[in-house]
Protein backbone atom coordinates (compact mmCIF):
# COMPACT_ATOMS: atom_id res chain seq x y z
CA MET A 1 8.46 83.32 32.63
CA ARG A 2 7.88 79.94 34.22
CA ILE A 3 10.51 77.21 34.45
CA SER A 4 8.83 73.89 33.83
CA SER A 5 11.58 71.41 33.07
CA SER A 6 15.02 70.40 34.22
CA SER A 7 16.44 71.24 30.78
CA GLU A 8 15.35 74.88 31.23
CA LYS A 9 16.97 74.92 34.68
CA THR A 10 20.20 73.45 33.26
CA PHE A 11 20.17 76.10 30.52
CA LEU A 12 19.93 78.93 33.07
CA GLU A 13 22.73 77.39 35.15
CA LYS A 14 25.01 77.28 32.09
CA VAL A 15 24.14 80.83 31.00
CA PHE A 16 24.87 82.19 34.48
CA ALA A 17 28.16 80.27 34.67
CA ALA A 18 29.24 81.57 31.24
CA ASP A 19 28.49 85.17 32.31
CA GLY A 20 30.72 84.95 35.37
CA PHE A 21 28.08 84.02 37.91
CA SER A 22 27.93 80.68 39.65
CA GLU A 23 25.75 77.80 38.47
CA HIS A 24 24.16 78.05 41.92
CA ASP A 25 22.89 81.56 41.05
CA GLY A 26 21.28 80.19 37.89
CA SER A 27 19.76 77.36 39.87
CA LEU A 28 18.30 79.78 42.43
CA LEU A 29 16.78 81.88 39.65
CA ALA A 30 15.28 78.79 38.02
CA ASP A 31 13.85 77.62 41.35
CA THR A 32 12.33 81.06 41.97
CA LEU A 33 10.81 81.18 38.48
CA SER A 34 9.24 77.77 38.99
CA MET A 35 7.39 78.87 42.15
CA PRO A 36 3.77 79.95 42.02
CA THR A 37 3.41 83.75 42.14
CA TYR A 38 2.10 83.71 45.73
CA GLU A 39 5.13 81.76 46.92
CA VAL A 40 7.56 84.09 45.12
CA SER A 41 6.02 87.18 46.71
CA HIS A 42 6.53 85.70 50.17
CA HIS A 43 9.96 84.28 49.35
CA MET A 44 11.26 87.64 48.15
CA ALA A 45 9.75 89.94 50.78
CA PHE A 46 11.60 93.26 50.70
CA ASN A 47 11.20 93.80 54.43
CA ASP A 48 13.44 90.76 54.98
CA LEU A 49 16.37 92.62 53.42
CA PRO A 50 18.81 94.35 55.78
CA GLY A 51 18.55 98.12 55.89
CA ILE A 52 14.97 98.28 54.66
CA PRO A 53 12.43 99.11 57.38
CA ALA A 54 9.45 96.79 57.74
């Protein structure tokens, strides 16, 4: 799934807010989905998470 417009981002923000999450969480998801695959893989590196050895 790729986010390509601000209306899609606004939709995700509203869905997250309605489900008890913050609009910020929806915005972060939309921003992540709009990144090229290469950028996402580096942005979400598992070895950056605490408790997971590199």
